[in-house]
Amino acid sequence: MSQYLTRDELSELVGCQPRSLGCMKRWLERNKWPFEINIAGFPQVSRQYRDARMNGASPRTVARVADEEQEPDFAALET
């Protein structure tokens, strides 16, 4: 299973047609969901973020955890 929502999963979440990319992007922006646009123009939403947000985790906590997983701690290398 992919780490990103499929077109059908995202359209079900948003409540629009699977081909309505503009509708999806507007909904994600309006509801402050983080996403990235892939080369095909499709908004990529993290499955982990969706699960946490739908289970009641605060968006700030979810975003902070996602950021911590992606960036190494370079401070440990400083002398």
PDB file of N, CA and C in Angstrom:
ATOM      1  N   MET A   1       0.840  -1.178   0.000  1.00  0.00           N
ATOM      2  CA  MET A   1       0.000   0.000   0.000  1.00  0.00           C
ATOM      3  C   MET A   1       0.885   1.241   0.000  1.00  0.00           C
ATOM      4  N   SER A   2       0.512   2.204  -0.808  1.00  0.00           N
ATOM      5  CA  SER A   2       1.275   3.436  -0.959  1.00  0.00           C
ATOM      6  C   SER A   2       1.180   4.299   0.294  1.00  0.00           C
ATOM      7  N   GLN A   3       2.178   5.155   0.485  1.00  0.00           N
ATOM      8  CA  GLN A   3       2.136   6.074   1.628  1.00  0.00           C
ATOM      9  C   GLN A   3       1.217   7.272   1.356  1.00  0.00           C
ATOM     10  N   TYR A   4       0.742   7.393   0.093  1.00  0.00           N
ATOM     11  CA  TYR A   4      -0.155   8.488  -0.270  1.00  0.00           C
ATOM     12  C   TYR A   4      -1.542   7.960  -0.612  1.00  0.00           C
ATOM     13  N   LEU A   5      -2.554   8.807  -0.394  1.00  0.00           N
ATOM     14  CA  LEU A   5      -3.918   8.431  -0.727  1.00  0.00           C
ATOM     15  C   LEU A   5      -4.069   8.267  -2.238  1.00  0.00           C
ATOM     16  N   THR A   6      -4.898   7.309  -2.633  1.00  0.00           N
ATOM     17  CA  THR A   6      -5.178   7.130  -4.052  1.00  0.00           C
ATOM     18  C   THR A   6      -6.168   8.199  -4.498  1.00  0.00           C
ATOM     19  N   ARG A   7      -6.350   8.308  -5.784  1.00  0.00           N
ATOM     20  CA  ARG A   7      -7.302   9.268  -6.357  1.00  0.00           C
ATOM     21  C   ARG A   7      -8.707   9.016  -5.790  1.00  0.00           C
ATOM     22  N   ASP A   8      -9.121   7.751  -5.721  1.00  0.00           N
ATOM     23  CA  ASP A   8     -10.453   7.423  -5.199  1.00  0.00           C
ATOM     24  C   ASP A   8     -10.581   7.744  -3.711  1.00  0.00           C
ATOM     25  N   GLU A   9      -9.541   7.445  -2.937  1.00  0.00           N
ATOM     26  CA  GLU A   9      -9.575   7.741  -1.504  1.00  0.00           C
ATOM     27  C   GLU A   9      -9.660   9.241  -1.258  1.00  0.00           C
ATOM     28  N   LEU A  10      -8.877  10.011  -2.008  1.00  0.00           N
ATOM     29  CA  LEU A  10      -8.888  11.460  -1.827  1.00  0.00           C
ATOM     30  C   LEU A  10     -10.220  12.054  -2.263  1.00  0.00           C
ATOM     31  N   SER A  11     -10.780  11.564  -3.359  1.00  0.00           N
ATOM     32  CA  SER A  11     -12.071  12.096  -3.810  1.00  0.00           C
ATOM     33  C   SER A  11     -13.172  11.757  -2.821  1.00  0.00           C
ATOM     34  N   GLU A  12     -13.088  10.592  -2.163  1.00  0.00           N
ATOM     35  CA  GLU A  12     -14.077  10.243  -1.140  1.00  0.00           C
ATOM     36  C   GLU A  12     -13.940  11.149   0.079  1.00  0.00           C
ATOM     37  N   LEU A  13     -12.713  11.422   0.484  1.00  0.00           N
ATOM     38  CA  LEU A  13     -12.466  12.315   1.615  1.00  0.00           C
ATOM     39  C   LEU A  13     -13.014  13.708   1.347  1.00  0.00           C
ATOM     40  N   VAL A  14     -12.707  14.221   0.166  1.00  0.00           N
ATOM     41  CA  VAL A  14     -13.072  15.586  -0.201  1.00  0.00           C
ATOM     42  C   VAL A  14     -14.546  15.707  -0.571  1.00  0.00           C
ATOM     43  N   GLY A  15     -15.073  14.674  -1.216  1.00  0.00           N
ATOM     44  CA  GLY A  15     -16.470  14.708  -1.638  1.00  0.00           C
ATOM     45  C   GLY A  15     -16.656  15.246  -3.042  1.00  0.00           C
ATOM     46  N   CYS A  16     -15.685  14.982  -3.899  1.00  0.00           N
ATOM     47  CA  CYS A  16     -15.790  15.427  -5.288  1.00  0.00           C
ATOM     48  C   CYS A  16     -15.464  14.258  -6.213  1.00  0.00           C
ATOM     49  N   GLN A  17     -15.560  14.492  -7.484  1.00  0.00           N
ATOM     50  CA  GLN A  17     -15.273  13.458  -8.474  1.00  0.00           C
ATOM     51  C   GLN A  17     -13.759  13.184  -8.530  1.00  0.00           C
ATOM     52  N   PRO A  18     -13.367  11.938  -8.833  1.00  0.00           N
ATOM     53  CA  PRO A  18     -11.939  11.605  -8.878  1.00  0.00           C
ATOM     54  C   PRO A  18     -11.126  12.428  -9.877  1.00  0.00           C
ATOM     55  N   ARG A  19     -11.745  12.975 -10.897  1.00  0.00           N
ATOM     56  CA  ARG A  19     -11.006  13.767 -11.887  1.00  0.00           C
ATOM     57  C   ARG A  19     -11.006  15.263 -11.566  1.00  0.00           C
ATOM     58  N   SER A  20     -11.634  15.671 -10.482  1.00  0.00           N
ATOM     59  CA  SER A  20     -11.741  17.091 -10.125  1.00  0.00           C
ATOM     60  C   SER A  20     -10.545  17.538  -9.292  1.00  0.00           C
ATOM     61  N   LEU A  21      -9.397  17.656  -9.928  1.00  0.00           N
ATOM     62  CA  LEU A  21      -8.178  18.018  -9.207  1.00  0.00           C
ATOM     63  C   LEU A  21      -8.268  19.406  -8.588  1.00  0.00           C
ATOM     64  N   GLY A  22      -8.867  20.349  -9.298  1.00  0.00           N
ATOM     65  CA  GLY A  22      -9.018  21.703  -8.762  1.00  0.00           C
ATOM     66  C   GLY A  22      -9.870  21.710  -7.510  1.00  0.00           C
ATOM     67  N   CYS A  23     -10.944  20.939  -7.510  1.00  0.00           N
ATOM     68  CA  CYS A  23     -11.822  20.826  -6.343  1.00  0.00           C
ATOM     69  C   CYS A  23     -11.046  20.246  -5.164  1.00  0.00           C
ATOM     70  N   MET A  24     -10.254  19.213  -5.426  1.00  0.00           N
ATOM     71  CA  MET A  24      -9.458  18.593  -4.361  1.00  0.00           C
ATOM     72  C   MET A  24      -8.472  19.592  -3.765  1.00  0.00           C
ATOM     73  N   LYS A  25      -7.758  20.309  -4.623  1.00  0.00           N
ATOM     74  CA  LYS A  25      -6.763  21.277  -4.154  1.00  0.00           C
ATOM     75  C   LYS A  25      -7.408  22.383  -3.323  1.00  0.00           C
ATOM     76  N   ARG A  26      -8.545  22.909  -3.788  1.00  0.00           N
ATOM     77  CA  ARG A  26      -9.241  23.970  -3.034  1.00  0.00           C
ATOM     78  C   ARG A  26      -9.666  23.469  -1.660  1.00  0.00           C
ATOM     79  N   TRP A  27     -10.216  22.255  -1.596  1.00  0.00           N
ATOM     80  CA  TRP A  27     -10.672  21.699  -0.319  1.00  0.00           C
ATOM     81  C   TRP A  27      -9.484  21.517   0.627  1.00  0.00           C
ATOM     82  N   LEU A  28      -8.392  20.972   0.116  1.00  0.00           N
ATOM     83  CA  LEU A  28      -7.208  20.750   0.952  1.00  0.00           C
ATOM     84  C   LEU A  28      -6.660  22.066   1.487  1.00  0.00           C
ATOM     85  N   GLU A  29      -6.582  23.077   0.645  1.00  0.00           N
ATOM     86  CA  GLU A  29      -6.091  24.391   1.089  1.00  0.00           C
ATOM     87  C   GLU A  29      -7.035  25.017   2.104  1.00  0.00           C
ATOM     88  N   ARG A  30      -8.333  24.991   1.824  1.00  0.00           N
ATOM     89  CA  ARG A  30      -9.328  25.594   2.706  1.00  0.00           C
ATOM     90  C   ARG A  30      -9.336  24.928   4.085  1.00  0.00           C
ATOM     91  N   ASN A  31      -9.101  23.612   4.114  1.00  0.00           N
ATOM     92  CA  ASN A  31      -9.127  22.869   5.376  1.00  0.00           C
ATOM     93  C   ASN A  31      -7.743  22.652   5.970  1.00  0.00           C
ATOM     94  N   LYS A  32      -6.736  23.330   5.375  1.00  0.00           N
ATOM     95  CA  LYS A  32      -5.358  23.332   5.895  1.00  0.00           C
ATOM     96  C   LYS A  32      -4.752  21.935   6.006  1.00  0.00           C
ATOM     97  N   TRP A  33      -4.947  21.133   4.952  1.00  0.00           N
ATOM     98  CA  TRP A  33      -4.318  19.820   4.874  1.00  0.00           C
ATOM     99  C   TRP A  33      -3.038  19.973   4.046  1.00  0.00           C
ATOM    100  N   PRO A  34      -1.896  19.512   4.541  1.00  0.00           N
ATOM    101  CA  PRO A  34      -0.662  19.609   3.755  1.00  0.00           C
ATOM    102  C   PRO A  34      -0.690  18.632   2.585  1.00  0.00           C
ATOM    103  N   PHE A  35      -0.209  19.096   1.446  1.00  0.00           N
ATOM    104  CA  PHE A  35      -0.145  18.240   0.267  1.00  0.00           C
ATOM    105  C   PHE A  35       0.922  18.776  -0.667  1.00  0.00           C
ATOM    106  N   GLU A  36       1.358  17.922  -1.566  1.00  0.00           N
ATOM    107  CA  GLU A  36       2.293  18.283  -2.619  1.00  0.00           C
ATOM    108  C   GLU A  36       1.678  17.851  -3.939  1.00  0.00           C
ATOM    109  N   ILE A  37       1.945  18.589  -4.974  1.00  0.00           N
ATOM    110  CA  ILE A  37       1.436  18.261  -6.301  1.00  0.00           C
ATOM    111  C   ILE A  37       2.497  17.421  -7.020  1.00  0.00           C
ATOM    112  N   ASN A  38       2.089  16.266  -7.556  1.00  0.00           N
ATOM    113  CA  ASN A  38       3.051  15.453  -8.298  1.00  0.00           C
ATOM    114  C   ASN A  38       3.153  15.944  -9.741  1.00  0.00           C
ATOM    115  N   ILE A  39       3.978  15.311 -10.531  1.00  0.00           N
ATOM    116  CA  ILE A  39       4.226  15.760 -11.896  1.00  0.00           C
ATOM    117  C   ILE A  39       2.966  15.709 -12.770  1.00  0.00           C
ATOM    118  N   ALA A  40       2.014  14.846 -12.409  1.00  0.00           N
ATOM    119  CA  ALA A  40       0.764  14.723 -13.163  1.00  0.00           C
ATOM    120  C   ALA A  40      -0.281  15.749 -12.706  1.00  0.00           C
ATOM    121  N   GLY A  41       0.064  16.570 -11.695  1.00  0.00           N
ATOM    122  CA  GLY A  41      -0.866  17.583 -11.206  1.00  0.00           C
ATOM    123  C   GLY A  41      -1.805  17.093 -10.121  1.00  0.00           C
ATOM    124  N   PHE A  42      -1.570  15.872  -9.621  1.00  0.00           N
ATOM    125  CA  PHE A  42      -2.439  15.292  -8.593  1.00  0.00           C
ATOM    126  C   PHE A  42      -1.922  15.647  -7.206  1.00  0.00           C
ATOM    127  N   PRO A  43      -2.805  16.112  -6.310  1.00  0.00           N
ATOM    128  CA  PRO A  43      -2.366  16.435  -4.948  1.00  0.00           C
ATOM    129  C   PRO A  43      -2.066  15.163  -4.152  1.00  0.00           C
ATOM    130  N   GLN A  44      -0.870  15.081  -3.621  1.00  0.00           N
ATOM    131  CA  GLN A  44      -0.437  13.935  -2.825  1.00  0.00           C
ATOM    132  C   GLN A  44      -0.659  14.241  -1.350  1.00  0.00           C
ATOM    133  N   VAL A  45      -1.469  13.394  -0.691  1.00  0.00           N
ATOM    134  CA  VAL A  45      -1.761  13.555   0.734  1.00  0.00           C
ATOM    135  C   VAL A  45      -1.259  12.305   1.450  1.00  0.00           C
ATOM    136  N   SER A  46      -0.528  12.499   2.518  1.00  0.00           N
ATOM    137  CA  SER A  46       0.026  11.400   3.285  1.00  0.00           C
ATOM    138  C   SER A  46      -1.087  10.580   3.940  1.00  0.00           C
ATOM    139  N   ARG A  47      -1.013   9.282   3.760  1.00  0.00           N
ATOM    140  CA  ARG A  47      -1.971   8.367   4.391  1.00  0.00           C
ATOM    141  C   ARG A  47      -1.855   8.462   5.912  1.00  0.00           C
ATOM    142  N   GLN A  48      -0.626   8.596   6.417  1.00  0.00           N
ATOM    143  CA  GLN A  48      -0.390   8.722   7.855  1.00  0.00           C
ATOM    144  C   GLN A  48      -1.056   9.989   8.407  1.00  0.00           C
ATOM    145  N   TYR A  49      -0.927  11.101   7.666  1.00  0.00           N
ATOM    146  CA  TYR A  49      -1.550  12.349   8.105  1.00  0.00           C
ATOM    147  C   TYR A  49      -3.067  12.211   8.121  1.00  0.00           C
ATOM    148  N   ARG A  50      -3.625  11.634   7.056  1.00  0.00           N
ATOM    149  CA  ARG A  50      -5.079  11.444   6.995  1.00  0.00           C
ATOM    150  C   ARG A  50      -5.570  10.605   8.173  1.00  0.00           C
ATOM    151  N   ASP A  51      -4.877   9.500   8.452  1.00  0.00           N
ATOM    152  CA  ASP A  51      -5.292   8.625   9.550  1.00  0.00           C
ATOM    153  C   ASP A  51      -5.250   9.358  10.886  1.00  0.00           C
ATOM    154  N   ALA A  52      -4.164  10.080  11.134  1.00  0.00           N
ATOM    155  CA  ALA A  52      -4.032  10.806  12.399  1.00  0.00           C
ATOM    156  C   ALA A  52      -5.085  11.899  12.524  1.00  0.00           C
ATOM    157  N   ARG A  53      -5.277  12.653  11.464  1.00  0.00           N
ATOM    158  CA  ARG A  53      -6.238  13.757  11.517  1.00  0.00           C
ATOM    159  C   ARG A  53      -7.667  13.246  11.686  1.00  0.00           C
ATOM    160  N   MET A  54      -7.998  12.159  11.013  1.00  0.00           N
ATOM    161  CA  MET A  54      -9.344  11.610  11.122  1.00  0.00           C
ATOM    162  C   MET A  54      -9.574  10.956  12.485  1.00  0.00           C
ATOM    163  N   ASN A  55      -8.492  10.628  13.193  1.00  0.00           N
ATOM    164  CA  ASN A  55      -8.610  10.047  14.522  1.00  0.00           C
ATOM    165  C   ASN A  55      -8.525  11.090  15.627  1.00  0.00           C
ATOM    166  N   GLY A  56      -8.484  12.370  15.249  1.00  0.00           N
ATOM    167  CA  GLY A  56      -8.564  13.440  16.231  1.00  0.00           C
ATOM    168  C   GLY A  56      -7.252  14.047  16.666  1.00  0.00           C
ATOM    169  N   ALA A  57      -6.136  13.659  16.072  1.00  0.00           N
ATOM    170  CA  ALA A  57      -4.857  14.282  16.430  1.00  0.00           C
ATOM    171  C   ALA A  57      -4.851  15.709  15.908  1.00  0.00           C
ATOM    172  N   SER A  58      -4.211  16.602  16.635  1.00  0.00           N
ATOM    173  CA  SER A  58      -4.157  17.989  16.179  1.00  0.00           C
ATOM    174  C   SER A  58      -3.251  18.081  14.965  1.00  0.00           C
ATOM    175  N   PRO A  59      -3.588  18.921  14.000  1.00  0.00           N
ATOM    176  CA  PRO A  59      -2.754  19.058  12.799  1.00  0.00           C
ATOM    177  C   PRO A  59      -1.312  19.458  13.105  1.00  0.00           C
ATOM    178  N   ARG A  60      -1.085  20.276  14.122  1.00  0.00           N
ATOM    179  CA  ARG A  60       0.281  20.693  14.450  1.00  0.00           C
ATOM    180  C   ARG A  60       1.109  19.512  14.913  1.00  0.00           C
ATOM    181  N   THR A  61       0.509  18.629  15.743  1.00  0.00           N
ATOM    182  CA  THR A  61       1.219  17.455  16.237  1.00  0.00           C
ATOM    183  C   THR A  61       1.553  16.523  15.093  1.00  0.00           C
ATOM    184  N   VAL A  62       0.596  16.302  14.216  1.00  0.00           N
ATOM    185  CA  VAL A  62       0.808  15.408  13.078  1.00  0.00           C
ATOM    186  C   VAL A  62       1.889  15.954  12.167  1.00  0.00           C
ATOM    187  N   ALA A  63       1.858  17.236  11.859  1.00  0.00           N
ATOM    188  CA  ALA A  63       2.854  17.840  10.976  1.00  0.00           C
ATOM    189  C   ALA A  63       4.232  17.785  11.615  1.00  0.00           C
ATOM    190  N   ARG A  64       4.317  18.020  12.924  1.00  0.00           N
ATOM    191  CA  ARG A  64       5.610  17.996  13.607  1.00  0.00           C
ATOM    192  C   ARG A  64       6.208  16.594  13.556  1.00  0.00           C
ATOM    193  N   VAL A  65       5.402  15.570  13.774  1.00  0.00           N
ATOM    194  CA  VAL A  65       5.885  14.194  13.721  1.00  0.00           C
ATOM    195  C   VAL A  65       6.367  13.877  12.313  1.00  0.00           C
ATOM    196  N   ALA A  66       5.611  14.279  11.297  1.00  0.00           N
ATOM    197  CA  ALA A  66       6.010  14.019   9.913  1.00  0.00           C
ATOM    198  C   ALA A  66       7.327  14.716   9.589  1.00  0.00           C
ATOM    199  N   ASP A  67       7.510  15.961  10.060  1.00  0.00           N
ATOM    200  CA  ASP A  67       8.754  16.696   9.818  1.00  0.00           C
ATOM    201  C   ASP A  67       9.937  16.012  10.500  1.00  0.00           C
ATOM    202  N   GLU A  68       9.714  15.528  11.730  1.00  0.00           N
ATOM    203  CA  GLU A  68      10.787  14.883  12.465  1.00  0.00           C
ATOM    204  C   GLU A  68      11.225  13.596  11.776  1.00  0.00           C
ATOM    205  N   GLU A  69      10.318  12.902  11.133  1.00  0.00           N
ATOM    206  CA  GLU A  69      10.662  11.664  10.459  1.00  0.00           C
ATOM    207  C   GLU A  69      11.482  11.925   9.198  1.00  0.00           C
ATOM    208  N   GLN A  70      11.331  13.082   8.583  1.00  0.00           N
ATOM    209  CA  GLN A  70      11.980  13.358   7.314  1.00  0.00           C
ATOM    210  C   GLN A  70      13.347  14.012   7.467  1.00  0.00           C
ATOM    211  N   GLU A  71      13.566  14.747   8.515  1.00  0.00           N
ATOM    212  CA  GLU A  71      14.808  15.496   8.666  1.00  0.00           C
ATOM    213  C   GLU A  71      15.673  14.885   9.762  1.00  0.00           C
ATOM    214  N   PRO A  72      16.933  14.588   9.464  1.00  0.00           N
ATOM    215  CA  PRO A  72      17.842  14.108  10.505  1.00  0.00           C
ATOM    216  C   PRO A  72      18.218  15.250  11.437  1.00  0.00           C
ATOM    217  N   ASP A  73      18.712  14.916  12.593  1.00  0.00           N
ATOM    218  CA  ASP A  73      19.131  15.906  13.581  1.00  0.00           C
ATOM    219  C   ASP A  73      20.599  16.270  13.309  1.00  0.00           C
ATOM    220  N   PHE A  74      20.794  17.356  12.548  1.00  0.00           N
ATOM    221  CA  PHE A  74      22.132  17.789  12.207  1.00  0.00           C
ATOM    222  C   PHE A  74      22.840  18.463  13.375  1.00  0.00           C
ATOM    223  N   ALA A  75      22.108  18.872  14.383  1.00  0.00           N
ATOM    224  CA  ALA A  75      22.714  19.500  15.552  1.00  0.00           C
ATOM    225  C   ALA A  75      23.674  18.545  16.250  1.00  0.00           C
ATOM    226  N   ALA A  76      23.422  17.269  16.151  1.00  0.00           N
ATOM    227  CA  ALA A  76      24.289  16.280  16.802  1.00  0.00           C
ATOM    228  C   ALA A  76      25.681  16.237  16.155  1.00  0.00           C
ATOM    229  N   LEU A  77      25.814  16.746  14.944  1.00  0.00           N
ATOM    230  CA  LEU A  77      27.093  16.717  14.239  1.00  0.00           C
ATOM    231  C   LEU A  77      27.963  17.936  14.524  1.00  0.00           C
ATOM    232  N   GLU A  78      27.355  18.960  15.120  1.00  0.00           N
ATOM    233  CA  GLU A  78      28.092  20.181  15.401  1.00  0.00           C
ATOM    234  C   GLU A  78      29.084  19.948  16.554  1.00  0.00           C
ATOM    235  N   THR A  79      30.244  20.580  16.460  1.00  0.00           N
ATOM    236  CA  THR A  79      31.247  20.406  17.526  1.00  0.00           C
ATOM    237  C   THR A  79      31.373  21.607  18.381  1.00  0.00           C
TER     238      THR A  79
END
